[in-house]
Amino acid sequence: MKTYLDLLKILPKTNCKECGLESCLLFALKVFSREISPEKCPYLDLKKLPFEFSSSSLTFNQLLENLKFLKGKFKEVNLLERAPQLGGHVDFEKRIVLIPYMDKNIVITLTEEGYPLEIVKDRSSLDPRDEILLCNYFIFNGREALSEDFAGLEAFPHSLSKVKTLKLYAEAPLAEFINSCREGFSQLLNGFRIEAYEESSSGLSFTVWALPRVPMKVVFWAGDEEEGLSPSCKILYNKKALSYLDLECLVFCAERFYEILQERAKGL
């Protein structure tokens, strides 16, 4: 698609407002600029969307191919040496590594020499996206001490396209989600490693650790109806984050955090 008008052609053009916007034209503009998810339109056939507007940047087969390549590199990493440097715990008797990831402990089984065999969560297989993230974390082998400072993704080099992705698939939906469940939101964080949780009438903020060396600071503003300001959310990363993961993985950490919160809310 070359312009938002090409996207408008496959919209119903009824201006039903079910997406939350005033018109299909405005919806097309917002989707084209990556400010809103195309899934917000209940009548849009997502299969007609070109690849770049799909919610995932990779097809499942591409994902598996990437994972196969990464696993090959990952299996060359001796975790007896590397895991403790990255916040993992080695159980020498059981020949496993335990690594905190989001709200769970991930188990990595080892060979006698200390090389990885399998990554599992709660005795079940992991989502391929999680496996890719964890493989990258160990392959990167970050050694820089974390900074005391955090910054938005836009502060990192070559991040322009990822900033839009982060807003569309993590910051915007997270703002809507937190705003819809403010009263019980803190309970949804049980099990995560949370620090510096603060809440007031104007919003809330906290730091959540996706991995032992990958903290994310979540800042939510409640907005102001009288002033016409909608709720918003900003994800901040440690300034040394790129020592531990690439931009794509950092964005996925935020997306995954939101997905887990959604799953928890549905289970209540």
C-alpha atoms as a PDB file:
ATOM      1  CA  MET A   1       0.000   0.000   0.000  1.00  0.00           C
ATOM      2  CA  LYS A   2       1.418   3.333  -1.056  1.00  0.00           C
ATOM      3  CA  THR A   3      -0.952   5.641   0.836  1.00  0.00           C
ATOM      4  CA  TYR A   4      -3.722   5.517   3.424  1.00  0.00           C
ATOM      5  CA  LEU A   5      -6.225   5.812   0.538  1.00  0.00           C
ATOM      6  CA  ASP A   6      -5.272   2.301  -0.570  1.00  0.00           C
ATOM      7  CA  LEU A   7      -6.133   1.099   2.929  1.00  0.00           C
ATOM      8  CA  LEU A   8      -9.408   3.027   2.853  1.00  0.00           C
ATOM      9  CA  LYS A   9     -10.477   1.020  -0.210  1.00  0.00           C
ATOM     10  CA  ILE A  10     -10.765  -2.203   1.815  1.00  0.00           C
ATOM     11  CA  LEU A  11     -12.593  -0.582   4.763  1.00  0.00           C
ATOM     12  CA  PRO A  12     -16.418  -0.698   4.938  1.00  0.00           C
ATOM     13  CA  LYS A  13     -16.620   3.129   4.660  1.00  0.00           C
ATOM     14  CA  THR A  14     -19.769   3.248   6.804  1.00  0.00           C
ATOM     15  CA  ASN A  15     -18.276   5.509   9.507  1.00  0.00           C
ATOM     16  CA  CYS A  16     -19.859   3.289  12.159  1.00  0.00           C
ATOM     17  CA  LYS A  17     -17.418   4.582  14.860  1.00  0.00           C
ATOM     18  CA  GLU A  18     -17.061   1.105  16.411  1.00  0.00           C
ATOM     19  CA  CYS A  19     -13.275   1.500  16.186  1.00  0.00           C
ATOM     20  CA  GLY A  20     -13.528   4.555  18.442  1.00  0.00           C
ATOM     21  CA  LEU A  21     -12.812   7.067  15.678  1.00  0.00           C
ATOM     22  CA  GLU A  22     -15.129   9.420  13.829  1.00  0.00           C
ATOM     23  CA  SER A  23     -14.664   8.038  10.323  1.00  0.00           C
ATOM     24  CA  CYS A  24     -13.153   5.257   8.231  1.00  0.00           C
ATOM     25  CA  LEU A  25     -10.874   7.860   6.653  1.00  0.00           C
ATOM     26  CA  LEU A  26      -9.415   8.797  10.041  1.00  0.00           C
ATOM     27  CA  PHE A  27      -9.069   5.099  10.910  1.00  0.00           C
ATOM     28  CA  ALA A  28      -7.120   4.506   7.685  1.00  0.00           C
ATOM     29  CA  LEU A  29      -4.808   7.408   8.505  1.00  0.00           C
ATOM     30  CA  LYS A  30      -4.171   6.116  12.024  1.00  0.00           C
ATOM     31  CA  VAL A  31      -3.508   2.543  10.891  1.00  0.00           C
ATOM     32  CA  PHE A  32      -1.221   3.690   8.088  1.00  0.00           C
ATOM     33  CA  SER A  33       0.830   5.783  10.551  1.00  0.00           C
ATOM     34  CA  ARG A  34       0.940   2.828  13.018  1.00  0.00           C
ATOM     35  CA  GLU A  35      -1.034   4.756  15.677  1.00  0.00           C
ATOM     36  CA  ILE A  36      -3.842   2.197  15.979  1.00  0.00           C
ATOM     37  CA  SER A  37      -4.181  -1.531  15.367  1.00  0.00           C
ATOM     38  CA  PRO A  38      -6.146  -2.622  12.262  1.00  0.00           C
ATOM     39  CA  GLU A  39      -7.897  -5.129  14.533  1.00  0.00           C
ATOM     40  CA  LYS A  40      -9.886  -2.227  16.010  1.00  0.00           C
ATOM     41  CA  CYS A  41     -12.220  -2.396  12.992  1.00  0.00           C
ATOM     42  CA  PRO A  42     -14.592  -5.348  13.506  1.00  0.00           C
ATOM     43  CA  TYR A  43     -15.515  -5.384   9.800  1.00  0.00           C
ATOM     44  CA  LEU A  44     -12.042  -5.313   8.257  1.00  0.00           C
ATOM     45  CA  ASP A  45     -10.883  -8.578   6.702  1.00  0.00           C
ATOM     46  CA  LEU A  46      -7.355  -8.755   8.149  1.00  0.00           C
ATOM     47  CA  LYS A  47      -6.354 -11.291   5.481  1.00  0.00           C
ATOM     48  CA  LYS A  48      -6.605  -8.524   2.900  1.00  0.00           C
ATOM     49  CA  LEU A  49      -4.029  -6.421   4.707  1.00  0.00           C
ATOM     50  CA  PRO A  50      -0.523  -6.359   3.259  1.00  0.00           C
ATOM     51  CA  PHE A  51       2.241  -8.026   5.244  1.00  0.00           C
ATOM     52  CA  GLU A  52       3.604  -4.825   6.803  1.00  0.00           C
ATOM     53  CA  PHE A  53       0.311  -4.130   8.593  1.00  0.00           C
ATOM     54  CA  SER A  54      -0.070  -7.562  10.175  1.00  0.00           C
ATOM     55  CA  SER A  55       0.303  -7.719  13.967  1.00  0.00           C
ATOM     56  CA  SER A  56       3.391  -9.874  13.632  1.00  0.00           C
ATOM     57  CA  SER A  57       6.399  -8.957  11.519  1.00  0.00           C
ATOM     58  CA  LEU A  58       7.101 -12.642  10.803  1.00  0.00           C
ATOM     59  CA  THR A  59       5.015 -15.527   9.499  1.00  0.00           C
ATOM     60  CA  PHE A  60       4.957 -18.591  11.739  1.00  0.00           C
ATOM     61  CA  ASN A  61       7.219 -20.499   9.337  1.00  0.00           C
ATOM     62  CA  GLN A  62       9.712 -17.619   9.287  1.00  0.00           C
ATOM     63  CA  LEU A  63       9.568 -17.555  13.068  1.00  0.00           C
ATOM     64  CA  LEU A  64      10.442 -21.242  13.248  1.00  0.00           C
ATOM     65  CA  GLU A  65      13.306 -20.789  10.788  1.00  0.00           C
ATOM     66  CA  ASN A  66      14.724 -17.957  12.906  1.00  0.00           C
ATOM     67  CA  LEU A  67      14.357 -20.081  16.016  1.00  0.00           C
ATOM     68  CA  LYS A  68      16.129 -23.026  14.382  1.00  0.00           C
ATOM     69  CA  PHE A  69      19.089 -20.795  13.512  1.00  0.00           C
ATOM     70  CA  LEU A  70      19.226 -19.215  16.970  1.00  0.00           C
ATOM     71  CA  LYS A  71      18.993 -22.561  18.731  1.00  0.00           C
ATOM     72  CA  GLY A  72      22.029 -23.687  16.813  1.00  0.00           C
ATOM     73  CA  LYS A  73      24.010 -20.721  18.120  1.00  0.00           C
ATOM     74  CA  PHE A  74      22.489 -21.037  21.597  1.00  0.00           C
ATOM     75  CA  LYS A  75      23.606 -24.654  21.925  1.00  0.00           C
ATOM     76  CA  GLU A  76      27.207 -23.497  21.522  1.00  0.00           C
ATOM     77  CA  VAL A  77      26.934 -21.379  24.699  1.00  0.00           C
ATOM     78  CA  ASN A  78      28.225 -22.901  27.930  1.00  0.00           C
ATOM     79  CA  LEU A  79      25.608 -21.873  30.487  1.00  0.00           C
ATOM     80  CA  LEU A  80      27.610 -23.016  33.493  1.00  0.00           C
ATOM     81  CA  GLU A  81      29.806 -20.003  32.825  1.00  0.00           C
ATOM     82  CA  ARG A  82      27.348 -17.559  31.282  1.00  0.00           C
ATOM     83  CA  ALA A  83      24.066 -17.994  33.175  1.00  0.00           C
ATOM     84  CA  PRO A  84      25.279 -16.615  36.545  1.00  0.00           C
ATOM     85  CA  GLN A  85      26.545 -13.453  34.819  1.00  0.00           C
ATOM     86  CA  LEU A  86      23.061 -12.886  33.381  1.00  0.00           C
ATOM     87  CA  GLY A  87      21.043 -13.524  36.529  1.00  0.00           C
ATOM     88  CA  GLY A  88      20.447 -17.242  36.079  1.00  0.00           C
ATOM     89  CA  HIS A  89      20.837 -19.853  38.802  1.00  0.00           C
ATOM     90  CA  VAL A  90      22.719 -23.075  38.028  1.00  0.00           C
ATOM     91  CA  ASP A  91      21.592 -26.241  39.800  1.00  0.00           C
ATOM     92  CA  PHE A  92      24.660 -28.445  39.340  1.00  0.00           C
ATOM     93  CA  GLU A  93      22.995 -31.503  40.824  1.00  0.00           C
ATOM     94  CA  LYS A  94      20.001 -31.432  38.460  1.00  0.00           C
ATOM     95  CA  ARG A  95      22.033 -30.004  35.546  1.00  0.00           C
ATOM     96  CA  ILE A  96      19.577 -27.191  34.913  1.00  0.00           C
ATOM     97  CA  VAL A  97      19.568 -23.404  34.773  1.00  0.00           C
ATOM     98  CA  LEU A  98      16.704 -21.404  36.269  1.00  0.00           C
ATOM     99  CA  ILE A  99      16.135 -17.961  34.780  1.00  0.00           C
ATOM    100  CA  PRO A 100      13.312 -15.563  35.805  1.00  0.00           C
ATOM    101  CA  TYR A 101      11.300 -14.447  32.763  1.00  0.00           C
ATOM    102  CA  MET A 102       8.307 -12.167  33.211  1.00  0.00           C
ATOM    103  CA  ASP A 103       6.142 -13.874  35.860  1.00  0.00           C
ATOM    104  CA  LYS A 104       7.668 -17.361  35.567  1.00  0.00           C
ATOM    105  CA  ASN A 105      10.884 -19.260  36.116  1.00  0.00           C
ATOM    106  CA  ILE A 106      12.222 -20.812  32.929  1.00  0.00           C
ATOM    107  CA  VAL A 107      14.101 -24.104  33.143  1.00  0.00           C
ATOM    108  CA  ILE A 108      16.948 -24.861  30.747  1.00  0.00           C
ATOM    109  CA  THR A 109      18.194 -28.434  30.842  1.00  0.00           C
ATOM    110  CA  LEU A 110      21.924 -28.949  30.323  1.00  0.00           C
ATOM    111  CA  THR A 111      24.345 -31.523  28.976  1.00  0.00           C
ATOM    112  CA  GLU A 112      27.022 -32.860  31.316  1.00  0.00           C
ATOM    113  CA  GLU A 113      29.373 -30.207  29.913  1.00  0.00           C
ATOM    114  CA  GLY A 114      26.890 -27.391  30.587  1.00  0.00           C
ATOM    115  CA  TYR A 115      25.488 -26.745  27.099  1.00  0.00           C
ATOM    116  CA  PRO A 116      21.720 -26.189  26.687  1.00  0.00           C
ATOM    117  CA  LEU A 117      19.409 -29.033  25.697  1.00  0.00           C
ATOM    118  CA  GLU A 118      15.866 -27.676  26.066  1.00  0.00           C
ATOM    119  CA  ILE A 119      14.043 -24.564  27.321  1.00  0.00           C
ATOM    120  CA  VAL A 120      10.776 -25.256  29.161  1.00  0.00           C
ATOM    121  CA  LYS A 121       8.205 -23.339  31.224  1.00  0.00           C
ATOM    122  CA  ASP A 122       6.115 -25.109  33.844  1.00  0.00           C
ATOM    123  CA  ARG A 123       6.997 -28.452  32.237  1.00  0.00           C
ATOM    124  CA  SER A 124       5.465 -27.310  28.952  1.00  0.00           C
ATOM    125  CA  SER A 125       6.875 -25.985  25.690  1.00  0.00           C
ATOM    126  CA  LEU A 126       7.464 -22.269  25.267  1.00  0.00           C
ATOM    127  CA  ASP A 127       5.939 -19.960  22.695  1.00  0.00           C
ATOM    128  CA  PRO A 128       8.545 -19.759  19.849  1.00  0.00           C
ATOM    129  CA  ARG A 129       8.729 -15.983  20.346  1.00  0.00           C
ATOM    130  CA  ASP A 130       9.743 -16.467  23.984  1.00  0.00           C
ATOM    131  CA  GLU A 131      12.384 -18.991  22.946  1.00  0.00           C
ATOM    132  CA  ILE A 132      13.832 -16.519  20.434  1.00  0.00           C
ATOM    133  CA  LEU A 133      14.016 -13.849  23.133  1.00  0.00           C
ATOM    134  CA  LEU A 134      15.713 -16.137  25.648  1.00  0.00           C
ATOM    135  CA  CYS A 135      18.205 -17.473  23.092  1.00  0.00           C
ATOM    136  CA  ASN A 136      19.115 -13.911  22.138  1.00  0.00           C
ATOM    137  CA  TYR A 137      19.545 -12.926  25.783  1.00  0.00           C
ATOM    138  CA  PHE A 138      22.189 -15.582  26.339  1.00  0.00           C
ATOM    139  CA  ILE A 139      23.825 -15.131  22.929  1.00  0.00           C
ATOM    140  CA  PHE A 140      24.172 -11.359  23.477  1.00  0.00           C
ATOM    141  CA  ASN A 141      25.951 -12.044  26.784  1.00  0.00           C
ATOM    142  CA  GLY A 142      25.649  -8.425  27.976  1.00  0.00           C
ATOM    143  CA  ARG A 143      28.289  -7.403  30.459  1.00  0.00           C
ATOM    144  CA  GLU A 144      27.784  -3.649  30.889  1.00  0.00           C
ATOM    145  CA  ALA A 145      26.469  -2.560  34.266  1.00  0.00           C
ATOM    146  CA  LEU A 146      22.920  -1.239  34.055  1.00  0.00           C
ATOM    147  CA  SER A 147      22.485   2.516  34.248  1.00  0.00           C
ATOM    148  CA  GLU A 148      20.344   4.316  36.806  1.00  0.00           C
ATOM    149  CA  ASP A 149      18.695   6.149  33.910  1.00  0.00           C
ATOM    150  CA  PHE A 150      15.832   5.102  31.638  1.00  0.00           C
ATOM    151  CA  ALA A 151      14.809   6.457  28.226  1.00  0.00           C
ATOM    152  CA  GLY A 152      12.105   6.014  25.611  1.00  0.00           C
ATOM    153  CA  LEU A 153      12.841   3.746  22.667  1.00  0.00           C
ATOM    154  CA  GLU A 154      13.259   6.803  20.452  1.00  0.00           C
ATOM    155  CA  ALA A 155      16.479   7.641  22.331  1.00  0.00           C
ATOM    156  CA  PHE A 156      18.168   4.522  20.931  1.00  0.00           C
ATOM    157  CA  PRO A 157      19.815   4.545  17.475  1.00  0.00           C
ATOM    158  CA  HIS A 158      17.888   3.344  14.390  1.00  0.00           C
ATOM    159  CA  SER A 159      14.679   2.950  16.388  1.00  0.00           C
ATOM    160  CA  LEU A 160      12.156   4.966  14.344  1.00  0.00           C
ATOM    161  CA  SER A 161      10.133   2.045  12.965  1.00  0.00           C
ATOM    162  CA  LYS A 162      10.293   0.180  16.278  1.00  0.00           C
ATOM    163  CA  VAL A 163       8.946   3.222  18.133  1.00  0.00           C
ATOM    164  CA  LYS A 164       5.778   3.005  16.034  1.00  0.00           C
ATOM    165  CA  THR A 165       5.500  -0.742  16.630  1.00  0.00           C
ATOM    166  CA  LEU A 166       5.952  -0.274  20.382  1.00  0.00           C
ATOM    167  CA  LYS A 167       3.217   2.337  20.484  1.00  0.00           C
ATOM    168  CA  LEU A 168       0.786   0.291  18.401  1.00  0.00           C
ATOM    169  CA  TYR A 169       1.191  -3.097  20.072  1.00  0.00           C
ATOM    170  CA  ALA A 170       2.231  -2.230  23.626  1.00  0.00           C
ATOM    171  CA  GLU A 171       1.920   1.378  24.787  1.00  0.00           C
ATOM    172  CA  ALA A 172      -1.512   2.203  23.306  1.00  0.00           C
ATOM    173  CA  PRO A 173      -3.256  -1.061  24.286  1.00  0.00           C
ATOM    174  CA  LEU A 174      -1.583  -1.002  27.700  1.00  0.00           C
ATOM    175  CA  ALA A 175      -2.923   2.507  28.340  1.00  0.00           C
ATOM    176  CA  GLU A 176      -6.437   1.354  27.460  1.00  0.00           C
ATOM    177  CA  PHE A 177      -6.027  -1.786  29.561  1.00  0.00           C
ATOM    178  CA  ILE A 178      -4.750  -0.050  32.702  1.00  0.00           C
ATOM    179  CA  ASN A 179      -7.432   2.611  32.418  1.00  0.00           C
ATOM    180  CA  SER A 180     -10.134  -0.066  32.296  1.00  0.00           C
ATOM    181  CA  CYS A 181      -8.966  -1.867  35.445  1.00  0.00           C
ATOM    182  CA  ARG A 182      -7.324   0.763  37.640  1.00  0.00           C
ATOM    183  CA  GLU A 183      -8.812  -0.543  40.906  1.00  0.00           C
ATOM    184  CA  GLY A 184      -7.500  -4.079  40.626  1.00  0.00           C
ATOM    185  CA  PHE A 185      -4.513  -3.450  38.421  1.00  0.00           C
ATOM    186  CA  SER A 186      -1.837  -3.884  41.085  1.00  0.00           C
ATOM    187  CA  GLN A 187      -3.136  -7.405  41.817  1.00  0.00           C
ATOM    188  CA  LEU A 188      -2.505  -8.367  38.179  1.00  0.00           C
ATOM    189  CA  LEU A 189       1.192  -7.710  38.781  1.00  0.00           C
ATOM    190  CA  ASN A 190       1.528 -10.491  41.368  1.00  0.00           C
ATOM    191  CA  GLY A 191       4.333 -12.841  40.408  1.00  0.00           C
ATOM    192  CA  PHE A 192       6.228 -10.260  38.362  1.00  0.00           C
ATOM    193  CA  ARG A 193       9.377  -8.699  39.740  1.00  0.00           C
ATOM    194  CA  ILE A 194       8.083  -5.178  40.380  1.00  0.00           C
ATOM    195  CA  GLU A 195       9.960  -2.217  41.843  1.00  0.00           C
ATOM    196  CA  ALA A 196       9.143   1.422  42.631  1.00  0.00           C
ATOM    197  CA  TYR A 197       5.370   1.047  42.255  1.00  0.00           C
ATOM    198  CA  GLU A 198       3.694   4.447  42.693  1.00  0.00           C
ATOM    199  CA  GLU A 199       0.072   5.368  42.159  1.00  0.00           C
ATOM    200  CA  SER A 200      -1.908   8.591  42.319  1.00  0.00           C
ATOM    201  CA  SER A 201      -5.134  10.005  40.927  1.00  0.00           C
ATOM    202  CA  SER A 202      -3.270  11.181  37.815  1.00  0.00           C
ATOM    203  CA  GLY A 203      -1.678   7.828  36.976  1.00  0.00           C
ATOM    204  CA  LEU A 204       0.830   5.224  38.066  1.00  0.00           C
ATOM    205  CA  SER A 205       4.356   4.040  37.385  1.00  0.00           C
ATOM    206  CA  PHE A 206       6.499   1.011  38.155  1.00  0.00           C
ATOM    207  CA  THR A 207       9.487  -0.955  36.954  1.00  0.00           C
ATOM    208  CA  VAL A 208       8.959  -4.525  35.782  1.00  0.00           C
ATOM    209  CA  TRP A 209      11.841  -6.911  35.109  1.00  0.00           C
ATOM    210  CA  ALA A 210      11.298  -8.945  31.951  1.00  0.00           C
ATOM    211  CA  LEU A 211      14.626 -10.698  32.539  1.00  0.00           C
ATOM    212  CA  PRO A 212      17.253 -10.277  35.269  1.00  0.00           C
ATOM    213  CA  ARG A 213      19.110  -7.611  33.227  1.00  0.00           C
ATOM    214  CA  VAL A 214      16.148  -6.196  31.297  1.00  0.00           C
ATOM    215  CA  PRO A 215      14.022  -3.801  33.358  1.00  0.00           C
ATOM    216  CA  MET A 216      11.218  -1.741  31.789  1.00  0.00           C
ATOM    217  CA  LYS A 217       9.684   1.315  33.395  1.00  0.00           C
ATOM    218  CA  VAL A 218       5.952   1.684  32.742  1.00  0.00           C
ATOM    219  CA  VAL A 219       4.478   5.169  33.120  1.00  0.00           C
ATOM    220  CA  PHE A 220       0.694   5.577  32.801  1.00  0.00           C
ATOM    221  CA  TRP A 221      -1.170   8.901  32.721  1.00  0.00           C
ATOM    222  CA  ALA A 222      -4.915   8.804  33.352  1.00  0.00           C
ATOM    223  CA  GLY A 223      -5.593  11.729  31.023  1.00  0.00           C
ATOM    224  CA  ASP A 224      -8.149  14.488  31.610  1.00  0.00           C
ATOM    225  CA  GLU A 225     -11.650  14.211  30.149  1.00  0.00           C
ATOM    226  CA  GLU A 226     -12.377  17.900  30.709  1.00  0.00           C
ATOM    227  CA  GLU A 227      -9.250  18.862  28.790  1.00  0.00           C
ATOM    228  CA  GLY A 228      -9.896  16.229  26.133  1.00  0.00           C
ATOM    229  CA  LEU A 229      -6.730  14.297  27.024  1.00  0.00           C
ATOM    230  CA  SER A 230      -6.941  10.529  26.623  1.00  0.00           C
ATOM    231  CA  PRO A 231      -5.096   8.061  28.879  1.00  0.00           C
ATOM    232  CA  SER A 232      -1.592   7.268  27.655  1.00  0.00           C
ATOM    233  CA  CYS A 233       1.288   4.990  28.505  1.00  0.00           C
ATOM    234  CA  LYS A 234       5.036   5.175  27.941  1.00  0.00           C
ATOM    235  CA  ILE A 235       7.529   2.309  28.155  1.00  0.00           C
ATOM    236  CA  LEU A 236      11.053   3.312  29.146  1.00  0.00           C
ATOM    237  CA  TYR A 237      14.147   1.118  28.882  1.00  0.00           C
ATOM    238  CA  ASN A 238      17.410   1.148  30.765  1.00  0.00           C
ATOM    239  CA  LYS A 239      19.980   3.180  28.831  1.00  0.00           C
ATOM    240  CA  LYS A 240      22.223   0.104  28.666  1.00  0.00           C
ATOM    241  CA  ALA A 241      19.429  -2.141  27.349  1.00  0.00           C
ATOM    242  CA  LEU A 242      21.061  -2.696  23.946  1.00  0.00           C
ATOM    243  CA  SER A 243      23.926  -4.471  25.677  1.00  0.00           C
ATOM    244  CA  TYR A 244      21.490  -7.281  26.496  1.00  0.00           C
ATOM    245  CA  LEU A 245      18.928  -7.416  23.660  1.00  0.00           C
ATOM    246  CA  ASP A 246      18.302  -5.872  20.259  1.00  0.00           C
ATOM    247  CA  LEU A 247      15.504  -3.373  19.583  1.00  0.00           C
ATOM    248  CA  GLU A 248      13.101  -5.994  18.247  1.00  0.00           C
ATOM    249  CA  CYS A 249      13.448  -8.099  21.392  1.00  0.00           C
ATOM    250  CA  LEU A 250      13.044  -5.053  23.636  1.00  0.00           C
ATOM    251  CA  VAL A 251       9.774  -4.193  21.890  1.00  0.00           C
ATOM    252  CA  PHE A 252       8.632  -7.798  22.213  1.00  0.00           C
ATOM    253  CA  CYS A 253       9.275  -7.681  25.985  1.00  0.00           C
ATOM    254  CA  ALA A 254       6.712  -4.872  26.251  1.00  0.00           C
ATOM    255  CA  GLU A 255       4.231  -6.647  23.964  1.00  0.00           C
ATOM    256  CA  ARG A 256       4.597  -9.878  25.932  1.00  0.00           C
ATOM    257  CA  PHE A 257       4.066  -8.093  29.236  1.00  0.00           C
ATOM    258  CA  TYR A 258       0.789  -6.678  27.930  1.00  0.00           C
ATOM    259  CA  GLU A 259      -0.299 -10.080  26.572  1.00  0.00           C
ATOM    260  CA  ILE A 260       0.295 -11.751  29.952  1.00  0.00           C
ATOM    261  CA  LEU A 261      -1.704  -9.069  31.762  1.00  0.00           C
ATOM    262  CA  GLN A 262      -4.551  -9.574  29.296  1.00  0.00           C
ATOM    263  CA  GLU A 263      -4.518 -13.334  29.860  1.00  0.00           C
ATOM    264  CA  ARG A 264      -4.581 -12.814  33.632  1.00  0.00           C
ATOM    265  CA  ALA A 265      -7.509 -10.392  33.443  1.00  0.00           C
ATOM    266  CA  LYS A 266      -9.530 -12.880  31.391  1.00  0.00           C
ATOM    267  CA  GLY A 267      -8.957 -15.523  34.048  1.00  0.00           C
ATOM    268  CA  LEU A 268     -10.432 -13.418  36.833  1.00  0.00           C
END
